Amino acid sequence: MRKEPLKITERSLDGITVFELDGDLALENNAQFRTQFTAALDAGTRKVIVNMAGVDYMDSSGLGELVSCYTALQKVSGRFTLLQLNERLQRVLVITKLYTVFETFESEAAAVDSFPITEISVASDAIPHRQLHQTP
């Protein structure tokens, strides 16, 4: 089996960082993914979707990288989801029982909708106050 170099595209969508992977998530490519993920985490990213549509092959070290990313986000109260896993990668999650850990989605819209809407802080004087009147 020929190993493909990994191309990573990072973009932001509604406050969520989306990593689109294209190539193999395997030993030779893990450092590249880890470096880019860590930089995003250090920059304040707390919501991540990893689009696996372009990943044909992932070895155990690639799976370990996904677990490490998930754990790193959990430690900072973040959230990590996987998107568009092929049948082979889905089987890996079932065999390793990691399907109970990772949230997976078929569509980007469903993955984005799974994240809670960020609360918007509103100045207290902008909210009308109701006065309660007691009747004698």
Protein backbone atom coordinates (compact mmCIF):
# COMPACT_ATOMS: atom_id res chain seq x y z
CA MET A 1 0.00 0.00 0.00
CA ARG A 2 1.36 3.39 -1.03
CA LYS A 3 1.24 6.02 1.68
CA GLU A 4 0.00 9.45 0.68
CA PRO A 5 1.36 12.68 2.14
CA LEU A 6 -1.18 14.55 4.23
CA LYS A 7 -2.57 17.91 3.15
CA ILE A 8 -4.37 19.86 5.86
CA THR A 9 -6.72 22.74 5.16
CA GLU A 10 -7.83 24.74 8.17
CA ARG A 11 -10.79 27.09 8.11
CA SER A 12 -13.24 28.68 10.50
CA LEU A 13 -16.99 28.18 10.26
CA ASP A 14 -19.36 29.80 12.76
CA GLY A 15 -16.64 29.85 15.43
CA ILE A 16 -15.68 26.22 14.78
CA THR A 17 -12.27 25.24 13.44
CA VAL A 18 -12.58 22.75 10.60
CA PHE A 19 -9.55 20.66 9.61
CA GLU A 20 -9.94 19.02 6.22
CA LEU A 21 -7.51 16.14 5.85
CA ASP A 22 -6.46 14.79 2.47
CA GLY A 23 -4.03 11.88 2.44
CA ASP A 24 -2.97 9.28 4.97
CA LEU A 25 -3.18 9.85 8.71
CA ALA A 26 -0.21 7.66 9.50
CA LEU A 27 3.13 7.74 11.27
CA GLU A 28 4.89 9.90 8.68
CA ASN A 29 2.18 12.57 8.76
CA ASN A 30 1.16 12.70 12.40
CA ALA A 31 3.64 15.39 13.47
CA GLN A 32 2.26 17.74 10.81
CA PHE A 33 -1.31 17.25 12.04
CA ARG A 34 -0.30 17.51 15.71
CA THR A 35 1.59 20.77 15.07
CA GLN A 36 -1.32 22.40 13.27
CA PHE A 37 -3.87 21.18 15.82
CA THR A 38 -1.73 22.35 18.77
CA ALA A 39 -1.28 25.79 17.19
CA ALA A 40 -5.06 26.13 16.85
CA LEU A 41 -5.60 24.97 20.42
CA ASP A 42 -2.97 27.43 21.70
CA ALA A 43 -4.73 30.20 19.74
CA GLY A 44 -7.94 29.53 21.66
CA THR A 45 -9.78 27.02 19.49
CA ARG A 46 -12.27 25.05 21.57
CA LYS A 47 -14.58 23.63 18.87
CA VAL A 48 -13.10 21.33 16.25
CA ILE A 49 -14.42 19.30 13.34
CA VAL A 50 -11.99 17.00 11.55
CA ASN A 51 -13.20 16.20 8.04
CA MET A 52 -11.85 12.75 7.18
CA ALA A 53 -13.40 12.52 3.68
CA GLY A 54 -9.97 12.61 2.04
CA VAL A 55 -8.36 10.05 4.36
CA ASP A 56 -8.10 6.62 2.77
CA TYR A 57 -5.68 5.11 5.25
CA MET A 58 -5.09 5.60 8.97
CA ASP A 59 -2.77 3.46 11.08
CA SER A 60 -2.85 3.01 14.85
CA SER A 61 -0.62 6.04 15.38
CA GLY A 62 -3.08 8.17 13.39
CA LEU A 63 -5.89 6.89 15.57
CA GLY A 64 -3.76 7.78 18.59
CA GLU A 65 -3.41 11.33 17.26
CA LEU A 66 -7.18 11.69 17.06
CA VAL A 67 -7.51 10.42 20.63
CA SER A 68 -4.82 12.88 21.77
CA CYS A 69 -6.63 15.78 20.08
CA TYR A 70 -9.93 14.72 21.65
CA THR A 71 -8.30 14.50 25.09
CA ALA A 72 -6.57 17.88 24.73
CA LEU A 73 -9.89 19.55 23.92
CA GLN A 74 -11.68 17.77 26.77
CA LYS A 75 -9.10 19.18 29.21
CA VAL A 76 -10.05 22.73 28.21
CA SER A 77 -13.81 22.03 28.05
CA GLY A 78 -13.71 21.92 24.26
CA ARG A 79 -15.41 19.67 21.77
CA PHE A 80 -14.03 17.44 19.00
CA THR A 81 -16.04 15.75 16.23
CA LEU A 82 -15.24 13.67 13.17
CA LEU A 83 -16.83 14.14 9.78
CA GLN A 84 -17.28 11.89 6.73
CA LEU A 85 -15.39 8.76 7.73
CA ASN A 86 -15.25 6.11 5.03
CA GLU A 87 -16.45 2.58 5.75
CA ARG A 88 -12.97 1.34 6.66
CA LEU A 89 -12.41 4.13 9.21
CA GLN A 90 -15.87 3.59 10.68
CA ARG A 91 -14.99 -0.09 11.17
CA VAL A 92 -11.79 0.91 12.99
CA LEU A 93 -13.86 2.98 15.43
CA VAL A 94 -16.23 0.05 15.99
CA ILE A 95 -13.43 -2.51 16.49
CA THR A 96 -11.62 -0.24 18.95
CA LYS A 97 -14.92 0.81 20.59
CA LEU A 98 -13.94 4.44 20.00
CA TYR A 99 -17.34 4.99 18.37
CA THR A 100 -18.48 5.47 22.00
CA VAL A 101 -15.98 8.33 22.39
CA PHE A 102 -16.04 10.20 19.10
CA GLU A 103 -19.08 11.94 17.69
CA THR A 104 -19.21 11.30 13.95
CA PHE A 105 -21.29 13.00 11.29
CA GLU A 106 -22.01 12.45 7.61
CA SER A 107 -22.64 16.11 6.77
CA GLU A 108 -20.86 19.28 7.76
CA ALA A 109 -24.18 20.99 8.48
CA ALA A 110 -25.10 18.27 11.00
CA ALA A 111 -21.69 18.51 12.65
CA VAL A 112 -21.94 22.31 12.93
CA ASP A 113 -25.49 22.09 14.29
CA SER A 114 -24.30 19.69 17.01
CA PHE A 115 -22.31 22.48 18.66
CA PRO A 116 -24.23 24.65 21.11
CA ILE A 117 -24.81 28.24 20.10
CA THR A 118 -22.35 30.51 21.85
CA GLU A 119 -24.03 32.75 24.37
CA ILE A 120 -23.96 36.43 23.59
CA SER A 121 -23.44 38.64 26.59
CA VAL A 122 -25.94 41.45 26.81
CA ALA A 123 -25.51 44.50 28.98
CA SER A 124 -27.90 44.32 31.90
CA ASP A 125 -29.33 47.79 31.20
CA ALA A 126 -30.39 46.64 27.72
CA ILE A 127 -32.79 44.12 29.20
CA PRO A 128 -36.09 45.61 30.28
CA HIS A 129 -36.78 45.04 33.94
CA ARG A 130 -40.22 44.17 35.20
CA GLN A 131 -41.31 45.49 38.51
CA LEU A 132 -43.45 43.28 40.63
CA HIS A 133 -46.27 45.01 42.44
CA GLN A 134 -47.90 43.47 45.40
CA THR A 135 -51.55 44.11 45.92
CA PRO A 136 -52.49 45.05 49.47
